Amino acid sequence: MSRALRTTVDHGRCVGNAQCVNLAPGMFRHNENVQSEVYDPAGAPEAVVLKAARFCPTSAIRVEDAATGEVLFPQP
């Protein structure tokens, strides 16, 4: 069973280049300001979410284990 994730996008950093939208379209989409947002927290497997976070050129995506609060990305 996969763990639940808490994934957030820092809109102060997001430039809307759509890497996360392209990698995990079931989870991320652009908002009215052409910035990424999480619209379905369970819309992609953990490995895909972490890949999307790694590919973000501005490091705007933060991924945590929802149950424990452990930061999975960025690495502490």
Protein backbone atom coordinates (compact mmCIF):
# COMPACT_ATOMS: atom_id res chain seq x y z
CA MET A 1 0.00 0.00 0.00
CA SER A 2 1.35 3.42 -0.88
CA ARG A 3 1.60 6.21 1.64
CA ALA A 4 -0.43 9.40 1.42
CA LEU A 5 1.53 12.48 0.41
CA ARG A 6 1.10 16.15 1.18
CA THR A 7 2.33 18.04 -1.87
CA THR A 8 2.41 21.81 -2.14
CA VAL A 9 3.52 24.35 -4.74
CA ASP A 10 5.14 27.59 -3.61
CA HIS A 11 3.56 30.21 -5.87
CA GLY A 12 6.30 32.65 -4.90
CA ARG A 13 8.72 30.40 -6.77
CA CYS A 14 6.59 28.74 -9.50
CA VAL A 15 7.15 30.19 -12.99
CA GLY A 16 4.64 27.91 -14.70
CA ASN A 17 6.98 26.01 -17.01
CA ALA A 18 4.70 22.95 -16.72
CA GLN A 19 7.28 20.25 -16.00
CA CYS A 20 5.10 18.90 -13.20
CA VAL A 21 1.93 19.20 -15.30
CA ASN A 22 3.58 17.20 -18.09
CA LEU A 23 4.98 14.54 -15.76
CA ALA A 24 1.93 14.14 -13.51
CA PRO A 25 -1.15 15.54 -15.29
CA GLY A 26 -3.45 13.59 -12.96
CA MET A 27 -2.14 15.60 -10.03
CA PHE A 28 -0.98 19.01 -11.24
CA ARG A 29 -2.60 21.64 -13.45
CA HIS A 30 -2.12 25.33 -14.13
CA ASN A 31 -4.27 27.84 -12.29
CA GLU A 32 -5.59 31.12 -13.69
CA ASN A 33 -2.14 32.70 -13.15
CA VAL A 34 -0.45 29.92 -15.16
CA GLN A 35 1.17 28.55 -12.04
CA SER A 36 1.04 24.91 -11.07
CA GLU A 37 -1.29 23.70 -8.36
CA VAL A 38 -2.18 20.34 -6.89
CA TYR A 39 -5.75 19.49 -7.83
CA ASP A 40 -5.74 15.77 -6.96
CA PRO A 41 -3.33 14.83 -4.14
CA ALA A 42 -3.68 11.13 -5.02
CA GLY A 43 -3.47 11.67 -8.80
CA ALA A 44 0.00 10.17 -9.30
CA PRO A 45 2.18 7.50 -7.70
CA GLU A 46 4.83 8.60 -5.22
CA ALA A 47 7.71 7.98 -7.63
CA VAL A 48 6.09 10.22 -10.25
CA VAL A 49 5.37 12.99 -7.73
CA LEU A 50 8.99 12.94 -6.56
CA LYS A 51 10.21 13.01 -10.17
CA ALA A 52 7.99 16.03 -10.88
CA ALA A 53 9.39 17.77 -7.80
CA ARG A 54 12.98 17.04 -8.86
CA PHE A 55 12.35 18.35 -12.39
CA CYS A 56 10.89 21.66 -11.18
CA PRO A 57 13.50 24.24 -12.26
CA THR A 58 12.67 26.58 -9.37
CA SER A 59 12.27 23.93 -6.65
CA ALA A 60 8.73 25.15 -6.00
CA ILE A 61 7.32 21.72 -5.09
CA ARG A 62 7.47 20.29 -1.57
CA VAL A 63 6.50 16.69 -0.86
CA GLU A 64 5.87 15.28 2.62
CA ASP A 65 4.58 12.05 4.07
CA ALA A 66 1.07 13.11 5.15
CA ALA A 67 1.04 10.79 8.16
CA THR A 68 4.45 11.57 9.63
CA GLY A 69 5.35 14.99 8.21
CA GLU A 70 8.65 13.59 6.95
CA VAL A 71 9.97 15.81 4.15
CA LEU A 72 10.59 13.66 1.08
CA PHE A 73 11.52 16.56 -1.22
CA PRO A 74 13.49 18.69 -1.07
CA GLN A 75 15.95 16.60 0.84
CA PRO A 76 16.82 18.22 4.17
